[in-house]
Amino acid sequence: MKTINAIGKVWPEPILTVKSEVSRGETELDVFLDNPVSASKVMKFLEDQGFGVQLEDDEGSIVIIARKGEQHIKAAASKKQPADPVNEAQPIPKPQTTPPSILTPEPSRTFSVLISNLALGNDQKLGETLMKSFLGALPETERPPLVVALMNEGVKLALYDSSSCDHLKNLEKKGASILICGTCANYFNIMDQIGAGAISSMPEIIEALNKADKIMTL
């Protein structure tokens, strides 16, 4: 069995590592992640490769258990039940819970946020302070957003050296998906400087935002 630690890894590193192990013929994988978007994409890849897949989430700590050809793992996960100790899958130390996912949002998370600026309002200096304060307050709300999508200059909020990067990481720990517009990051030539979230395409961002009841635009 191969264990892959992708916690804290920026997309697309998690799936590249998984693809490398699969190409080497590995048939048993345990993949640890902390990003729901990366987890969703890794799961889809493994399923396409004929793996039975089960996902477990414990307050943002995600583990994907994949076994080649063991379709009962996928079936058990889809029913949202703990793994059956009678089947061939290895025993799971933690009870399965419903993972925060942009594809199956929790009922309590009914809004998402689309940010396309570095600042709130017309005054740049004040606006940057307000934006930082806004992002810092989001993780503390009773119902954090399902998705925070960053586009245009908003992608710079996810830079490693940005004062807002830690706030975005806190949102990820709360289960929010931080989606970075790949076209925008490439335009500003900051693709390798992103410190939070996952690089996403426009269709992925639209699909994720549409899963929420309301979209807040900044």
C-alpha atoms as a PDB file:
ATOM      1  CA  MET A   1       0.000   0.000   0.000  1.00  0.00           C
ATOM      2  CA  LYS A   2       1.246   3.486  -0.889  1.00  0.00           C
ATOM      3  CA  THR A   3       0.523   6.482   1.355  1.00  0.00           C
ATOM      4  CA  ILE A   4       0.578   9.923  -0.261  1.00  0.00           C
ATOM      5  CA  ASN A   5       0.683  13.032   1.929  1.00  0.00           C
ATOM      6  CA  ALA A   6      -0.700  15.933  -0.134  1.00  0.00           C
ATOM      7  CA  ILE A   7      -1.703  18.096   2.829  1.00  0.00           C
ATOM      8  CA  GLY A   8      -0.798  21.704   2.133  1.00  0.00           C
ATOM      9  CA  LYS A   9       0.084  20.932  -1.486  1.00  0.00           C
ATOM     10  CA  VAL A  10      -1.041  23.394  -4.169  1.00  0.00           C
ATOM     11  CA  TRP A  11      -2.953  22.099  -7.189  1.00  0.00           C
ATOM     12  CA  PRO A  12      -2.033  20.343  -9.473  1.00  0.00           C
ATOM     13  CA  GLU A  13       0.714  18.681  -7.365  1.00  0.00           C
ATOM     14  CA  PRO A  14      -1.671  16.237  -5.582  1.00  0.00           C
ATOM     15  CA  ILE A  15      -3.044  14.653  -8.748  1.00  0.00           C
ATOM     16  CA  LEU A  16       0.369  14.602 -10.446  1.00  0.00           C
ATOM     17  CA  THR A  17       1.743  12.593  -7.515  1.00  0.00           C
ATOM     18  CA  VAL A  18      -1.219  10.203  -7.642  1.00  0.00           C
ATOM     19  CA  LYS A  19      -0.878   9.762 -11.412  1.00  0.00           C
ATOM     20  CA  SER A  20       2.819   8.963 -10.978  1.00  0.00           C
ATOM     21  CA  GLU A  21       2.087   6.202  -8.455  1.00  0.00           C
ATOM     22  CA  VAL A  22      -0.690   4.735 -10.616  1.00  0.00           C
ATOM     23  CA  SER A  23       1.626   4.706 -13.646  1.00  0.00           C
ATOM     24  CA  ARG A  24       4.110   2.697 -11.555  1.00  0.00           C
ATOM     25  CA  GLY A  25       1.449   0.041 -11.080  1.00  0.00           C
ATOM     26  CA  GLU A  26       0.412   0.894  -7.523  1.00  0.00           C
ATOM     27  CA  THR A  27      -2.993  -0.679  -6.769  1.00  0.00           C
ATOM     28  CA  GLU A  28      -3.531   0.396  -3.157  1.00  0.00           C
ATOM     29  CA  LEU A  29      -3.415   4.085  -2.285  1.00  0.00           C
ATOM     30  CA  ASP A  30      -4.211   6.169   0.790  1.00  0.00           C
ATOM     31  CA  VAL A  31      -4.151   9.867  -0.138  1.00  0.00           C
ATOM     32  CA  PHE A  32      -4.241  12.549   2.570  1.00  0.00           C
ATOM     33  CA  LEU A  33      -5.400  16.062   1.549  1.00  0.00           C
ATOM     34  CA  ASP A  34      -6.870  19.226   3.040  1.00  0.00           C
ATOM     35  CA  ASN A  35      -8.488  20.712  -0.067  1.00  0.00           C
ATOM     36  CA  PRO A  36     -11.989  19.520  -1.129  1.00  0.00           C
ATOM     37  CA  VAL A  37     -11.494  20.577  -4.762  1.00  0.00           C
ATOM     38  CA  SER A  38      -8.243  18.616  -5.073  1.00  0.00           C
ATOM     39  CA  ALA A  39      -9.907  15.659  -3.360  1.00  0.00           C
ATOM     40  CA  SER A  40     -12.802  15.706  -5.833  1.00  0.00           C
ATOM     41  CA  LYS A  41     -10.469  15.694  -8.825  1.00  0.00           C
ATOM     42  CA  VAL A  42      -8.223  12.972  -7.395  1.00  0.00           C
ATOM     43  CA  MET A  43     -11.274  10.805  -6.722  1.00  0.00           C
ATOM     44  CA  LYS A  44     -12.553  11.205 -10.274  1.00  0.00           C
ATOM     45  CA  PHE A  45      -9.156  10.294 -11.732  1.00  0.00           C
ATOM     46  CA  LEU A  46      -8.866   7.170  -9.587  1.00  0.00           C
ATOM     47  CA  GLU A  47     -12.412   6.077 -10.441  1.00  0.00           C
ATOM     48  CA  ASP A  48     -11.635   6.524 -14.134  1.00  0.00           C
ATOM     49  CA  GLN A  49      -8.617   4.259 -13.621  1.00  0.00           C
ATOM     50  CA  GLY A  50     -10.805   1.470 -12.236  1.00  0.00           C
ATOM     51  CA  PHE A  51     -10.227   2.044  -8.518  1.00  0.00           C
ATOM     52  CA  GLY A  52     -12.868   1.592  -5.870  1.00  0.00           C
ATOM     53  CA  VAL A  53     -12.741   4.834  -3.883  1.00  0.00           C
ATOM     54  CA  GLN A  54     -13.891   5.883  -0.427  1.00  0.00           C
ATOM     55  CA  LEU A  55     -13.503   9.418   0.942  1.00  0.00           C
ATOM     56  CA  GLU A  56     -13.486  10.350   4.605  1.00  0.00           C
ATOM     57  CA  ASP A  57     -13.394  13.827   6.091  1.00  0.00           C
ATOM     58  CA  ASP A  58     -12.671  14.881   9.650  1.00  0.00           C
ATOM     59  CA  GLU A  59     -13.001  18.654  10.054  1.00  0.00           C
ATOM     60  CA  GLY A  60     -11.128  19.390   6.835  1.00  0.00           C
ATOM     61  CA  SER A  61      -8.630  16.524   7.091  1.00  0.00           C
ATOM     62  CA  ILE A  62      -9.471  14.363   4.083  1.00  0.00           C
ATOM     63  CA  VAL A  63      -8.322  10.840   3.270  1.00  0.00           C
ATOM     64  CA  ILE A  64      -9.064   9.029   0.021  1.00  0.00           C
ATOM     65  CA  ILE A  65      -8.819   5.240   0.234  1.00  0.00           C
ATOM     66  CA  ALA A  66      -8.446   3.671  -3.214  1.00  0.00           C
ATOM     67  CA  ARG A  67      -8.149  -0.009  -4.076  1.00  0.00           C
ATOM     68  CA  LYS A  68      -7.883  -1.268  -7.649  1.00  0.00           C
ATOM     69  CA  GLY A  69     -11.044  -3.068  -8.730  1.00  0.00           C
ATOM     70  CA  GLU A  70     -12.767  -2.914  -5.328  1.00  0.00           C
ATOM     71  CA  GLN A  71     -16.041  -1.361  -6.402  1.00  0.00           C
ATOM     72  CA  HIS A  72     -17.673  -2.012  -3.024  1.00  0.00           C
ATOM     73  CA  ILE A  73     -15.577   0.819  -1.558  1.00  0.00           C
ATOM     74  CA  LYS A  74     -17.169   3.319  -3.904  1.00  0.00           C
ATOM     75  CA  ALA A  75     -20.629   1.906  -3.212  1.00  0.00           C
ATOM     76  CA  ALA A  76     -20.153   2.188   0.539  1.00  0.00           C
ATOM     77  CA  ALA A  77     -19.000   5.780   0.239  1.00  0.00           C
ATOM     78  CA  SER A  78     -21.981   6.742  -1.926  1.00  0.00           C
ATOM     79  CA  LYS A  79     -24.332   5.490   0.818  1.00  0.00           C
ATOM     80  CA  LYS A  80     -22.477   7.624   3.381  1.00  0.00           C
ATOM     81  CA  GLN A  81     -21.993   4.708   5.780  1.00  0.00           C
ATOM     82  CA  PRO A  82     -18.901   3.456   7.650  1.00  0.00           C
ATOM     83  CA  ALA A  83     -16.884   0.835   5.835  1.00  0.00           C
ATOM     84  CA  ASP A  84     -18.224  -2.702   6.223  1.00  0.00           C
ATOM     85  CA  PRO A  85     -15.621  -4.742   8.179  1.00  0.00           C
ATOM     86  CA  VAL A  86     -16.744  -7.893   6.338  1.00  0.00           C
ATOM     87  CA  ASN A  87     -15.672  -6.679   2.917  1.00  0.00           C
ATOM     88  CA  GLU A  88     -12.152  -6.665   1.529  1.00  0.00           C
ATOM     89  CA  ALA A  89     -11.332  -3.009   2.263  1.00  0.00           C
ATOM     90  CA  GLN A  90      -8.949  -2.264   5.079  1.00  0.00           C
ATOM     91  CA  PRO A  91     -10.633  -1.168   8.351  1.00  0.00           C
ATOM     92  CA  ILE A  92     -11.114   2.600   8.584  1.00  0.00           C
ATOM     93  CA  PRO A  93     -10.011   4.103  11.896  1.00  0.00           C
ATOM     94  CA  LYS A  94     -12.428   7.046  11.711  1.00  0.00           C
ATOM     95  CA  PRO A  95     -16.212   7.004  11.103  1.00  0.00           C
ATOM     96  CA  GLN A  96     -17.187   8.327   7.723  1.00  0.00           C
ATOM     97  CA  THR A  97     -18.802  11.747   7.565  1.00  0.00           C
ATOM     98  CA  THR A  98     -20.183  13.712   4.678  1.00  0.00           C
ATOM     99  CA  PRO A  99     -17.245  15.673   3.126  1.00  0.00           C
ATOM    100  CA  PRO A 100     -17.581  19.373   2.320  1.00  0.00           C
ATOM    101  CA  SER A 101     -17.756  19.321  -1.439  1.00  0.00           C
ATOM    102  CA  ILE A 102     -18.648  21.767  -4.161  1.00  0.00           C
ATOM    103  CA  LEU A 103     -20.604  18.929  -5.776  1.00  0.00           C
ATOM    104  CA  THR A 104     -22.691  18.031  -2.671  1.00  0.00           C
ATOM    105  CA  PRO A 105     -22.916  21.192  -0.543  1.00  0.00           C
ATOM    106  CA  GLU A 106     -24.098  20.993   3.022  1.00  0.00           C
ATOM    107  CA  PRO A 107     -27.628  22.381   3.450  1.00  0.00           C
ATOM    108  CA  SER A 108     -26.452  25.023   5.944  1.00  0.00           C
ATOM    109  CA  ARG A 109     -23.995  26.514   3.446  1.00  0.00           C
ATOM    110  CA  THR A 110     -26.221  28.518   1.213  1.00  0.00           C
ATOM    111  CA  PHE A 111     -23.946  31.224  -0.153  1.00  0.00           C
ATOM    112  CA  SER A 112     -20.702  31.635  -2.058  1.00  0.00           C
ATOM    113  CA  VAL A 113     -18.439  34.633  -2.660  1.00  0.00           C
ATOM    114  CA  LEU A 114     -16.990  35.880  -5.958  1.00  0.00           C
ATOM    115  CA  ILE A 115     -14.114  38.350  -5.538  1.00  0.00           C
ATOM    116  CA  SER A 116     -12.606  40.199  -8.502  1.00  0.00           C
ATOM    117  CA  ASN A 117     -10.790  43.040  -6.726  1.00  0.00           C
ATOM    118  CA  LEU A 118      -8.069  43.528  -4.140  1.00  0.00           C
ATOM    119  CA  ALA A 119     -10.059  46.185  -2.309  1.00  0.00           C
ATOM    120  CA  LEU A 120     -13.608  46.894  -1.150  1.00  0.00           C
ATOM    121  CA  GLY A 121     -14.825  50.242  -2.421  1.00  0.00           C
ATOM    122  CA  ASN A 122     -13.124  53.057  -4.284  1.00  0.00           C
ATOM    123  CA  ASP A 123     -10.493  54.097  -1.742  1.00  0.00           C
ATOM    124  CA  GLN A 124      -7.621  51.676  -2.417  1.00  0.00           C
ATOM    125  CA  LYS A 125      -5.863  51.866   0.945  1.00  0.00           C
ATOM    126  CA  LEU A 126      -9.051  51.680   2.988  1.00  0.00           C
ATOM    127  CA  GLY A 127     -10.510  49.100   0.616  1.00  0.00           C
ATOM    128  CA  GLU A 128      -7.567  46.711   1.061  1.00  0.00           C
ATOM    129  CA  THR A 129      -7.964  46.948   4.839  1.00  0.00           C
ATOM    130  CA  LEU A 130     -11.684  46.251   4.541  1.00  0.00           C
ATOM    131  CA  MET A 131     -11.097  43.282   2.245  1.00  0.00           C
ATOM    132  CA  LYS A 132      -8.610  41.751   4.688  1.00  0.00           C
ATOM    133  CA  SER A 133     -11.075  42.314   7.538  1.00  0.00           C
ATOM    134  CA  PHE A 134     -13.898  40.770   5.514  1.00  0.00           C
ATOM    135  CA  LEU A 135     -11.903  37.622   4.699  1.00  0.00           C
ATOM    136  CA  GLY A 136     -10.755  37.378   8.309  1.00  0.00           C
ATOM    137  CA  ALA A 137     -14.341  37.474   9.568  1.00  0.00           C
ATOM    138  CA  LEU A 138     -15.735  34.874   7.130  1.00  0.00           C
ATOM    139  CA  PRO A 139     -14.256  31.799   8.904  1.00  0.00           C
ATOM    140  CA  GLU A 140     -15.809  32.958  12.174  1.00  0.00           C
ATOM    141  CA  THR A 141     -19.364  33.177  10.820  1.00  0.00           C
ATOM    142  CA  GLU A 142     -21.947  30.563  11.803  1.00  0.00           C
ATOM    143  CA  ARG A 143     -22.318  29.545   8.152  1.00  0.00           C
ATOM    144  CA  PRO A 144     -19.052  29.988   6.219  1.00  0.00           C
ATOM    145  CA  PRO A 145     -19.357  30.221   2.420  1.00  0.00           C
ATOM    146  CA  LEU A 146     -19.437  27.107   0.316  1.00  0.00           C
ATOM    147  CA  VAL A 147     -17.049  28.613  -2.250  1.00  0.00           C
ATOM    148  CA  VAL A 148     -14.780  31.649  -2.448  1.00  0.00           C
ATOM    149  CA  ALA A 149     -13.864  32.226  -6.096  1.00  0.00           C
ATOM    150  CA  LEU A 150     -11.038  34.652  -6.940  1.00  0.00           C
ATOM    151  CA  MET A 151     -10.882  36.275 -10.374  1.00  0.00           C
ATOM    152  CA  ASN A 152      -9.113  39.203 -12.052  1.00  0.00           C
ATOM    153  CA  GLU A 153      -6.980  41.063  -9.461  1.00  0.00           C
ATOM    154  CA  GLY A 154      -8.750  39.115  -6.734  1.00  0.00           C
ATOM    155  CA  VAL A 155      -6.403  36.174  -7.406  1.00  0.00           C
ATOM    156  CA  LYS A 156      -3.601  38.189  -5.794  1.00  0.00           C
ATOM    157  CA  LEU A 157      -5.330  37.760  -2.437  1.00  0.00           C
ATOM    158  CA  ALA A 158      -4.113  34.142  -2.525  1.00  0.00           C
ATOM    159  CA  LEU A 159      -0.421  34.972  -2.956  1.00  0.00           C
ATOM    160  CA  TYR A 160       1.958  33.423  -0.423  1.00  0.00           C
ATOM    161  CA  ASP A 161       3.037  36.860   0.831  1.00  0.00           C
ATOM    162  CA  SER A 162      -0.456  38.362   0.841  1.00  0.00           C
ATOM    163  CA  SER A 163      -1.846  39.354   4.221  1.00  0.00           C
ATOM    164  CA  SER A 164      -5.094  37.662   3.185  1.00  0.00           C
ATOM    165  CA  CYS A 165      -3.567  34.262   2.406  1.00  0.00           C
ATOM    166  CA  ASP A 166      -3.880  32.971   5.989  1.00  0.00           C
ATOM    167  CA  HIS A 167      -7.553  33.995   6.059  1.00  0.00           C
ATOM    168  CA  LEU A 168      -8.177  31.951   2.913  1.00  0.00           C
ATOM    169  CA  LYS A 169      -6.409  28.970   4.484  1.00  0.00           C
ATOM    170  CA  ASN A 170      -8.640  29.311   7.543  1.00  0.00           C
ATOM    171  CA  LEU A 171     -11.671  29.261   5.260  1.00  0.00           C
ATOM    172  CA  GLU A 172     -10.384  26.030   3.675  1.00  0.00           C
ATOM    173  CA  LYS A 173     -10.115  24.480   7.142  1.00  0.00           C
ATOM    174  CA  LYS A 174     -13.757  25.409   7.693  1.00  0.00           C
ATOM    175  CA  GLY A 175     -14.682  23.466   4.564  1.00  0.00           C
ATOM    176  CA  ALA A 176     -14.911  26.290   2.023  1.00  0.00           C
ATOM    177  CA  SER A 177     -13.478  25.684  -1.445  1.00  0.00           C
ATOM    178  CA  ILE A 178     -11.074  28.421  -2.566  1.00  0.00           C
ATOM    179  CA  LEU A 179     -11.030  28.501  -6.369  1.00  0.00           C
ATOM    180  CA  ILE A 180      -8.387  30.505  -8.230  1.00  0.00           C
ATOM    181  CA  CYS A 181      -9.029  31.542 -11.839  1.00  0.00           C
ATOM    182  CA  GLY A 182      -6.203  29.906 -13.796  1.00  0.00           C
ATOM    183  CA  THR A 183      -6.509  32.352 -16.692  1.00  0.00           C
ATOM    184  CA  CYS A 184      -6.156  35.293 -14.302  1.00  0.00           C
ATOM    185  CA  ALA A 185      -3.217  33.800 -12.393  1.00  0.00           C
ATOM    186  CA  ASN A 186      -1.472  33.089 -15.673  1.00  0.00           C
ATOM    187  CA  TYR A 187      -2.143  36.628 -16.933  1.00  0.00           C
ATOM    188  CA  PHE A 188      -0.506  38.145 -13.840  1.00  0.00           C
ATOM    189  CA  ASN A 189       2.292  35.522 -14.038  1.00  0.00           C
ATOM    190  CA  ILE A 190       1.726  34.409 -10.442  1.00  0.00           C
ATOM    191  CA  MET A 191       0.813  30.759 -10.995  1.00  0.00           C
ATOM    192  CA  ASP A 192       3.769  29.538  -8.901  1.00  0.00           C
ATOM    193  CA  GLN A 193       3.105  32.063  -6.118  1.00  0.00           C
ATOM    194  CA  ILE A 194      -0.374  30.923  -5.126  1.00  0.00           C
ATOM    195  CA  GLY A 195      -0.418  29.964  -1.452  1.00  0.00           C
ATOM    196  CA  ALA A 196      -4.024  28.930  -0.895  1.00  0.00           C
ATOM    197  CA  GLY A 197      -6.830  27.277  -2.813  1.00  0.00           C
ATOM    198  CA  ALA A 198      -6.771  25.423  -6.114  1.00  0.00           C
ATOM    199  CA  ILE A 199      -6.248  26.621  -9.669  1.00  0.00           C
ATOM    200  CA  SER A 200      -9.557  26.162 -11.509  1.00  0.00           C
ATOM    201  CA  SER A 201     -11.089  26.749 -14.912  1.00  0.00           C
ATOM    202  CA  MET A 202     -14.032  29.015 -15.671  1.00  0.00           C
ATOM    203  CA  PRO A 203     -16.503  26.096 -16.103  1.00  0.00           C
ATOM    204  CA  GLU A 204     -15.418  24.634 -12.744  1.00  0.00           C
ATOM    205  CA  ILE A 205     -15.867  27.988 -11.014  1.00  0.00           C
ATOM    206  CA  ILE A 206     -19.313  28.523 -12.553  1.00  0.00           C
ATOM    207  CA  GLU A 207     -20.449  25.025 -11.589  1.00  0.00           C
ATOM    208  CA  ALA A 208     -19.202  25.469  -8.029  1.00  0.00           C
ATOM    209  CA  LEU A 209     -20.839  28.884  -7.565  1.00  0.00           C
ATOM    210  CA  ASN A 210     -24.148  27.601  -8.897  1.00  0.00           C
ATOM    211  CA  LYS A 211     -24.318  25.038  -6.099  1.00  0.00           C
ATOM    212  CA  ALA A 212     -24.977  27.828  -3.599  1.00  0.00           C
ATOM    213  CA  ASP A 213     -28.366  29.460  -3.060  1.00  0.00           C
ATOM    214  CA  LYS A 214     -26.839  32.940  -3.154  1.00  0.00           C
ATOM    215  CA  ILE A 215     -23.682  34.468  -4.629  1.00  0.00           C
ATOM    216  CA  MET A 216     -22.049  37.503  -3.003  1.00  0.00           C
ATOM    217  CA  THR A 217     -20.008  39.541  -5.503  1.00  0.00           C
ATOM    218  CA  LEU A 218     -17.193  41.861  -4.411  1.00  0.00           C
END
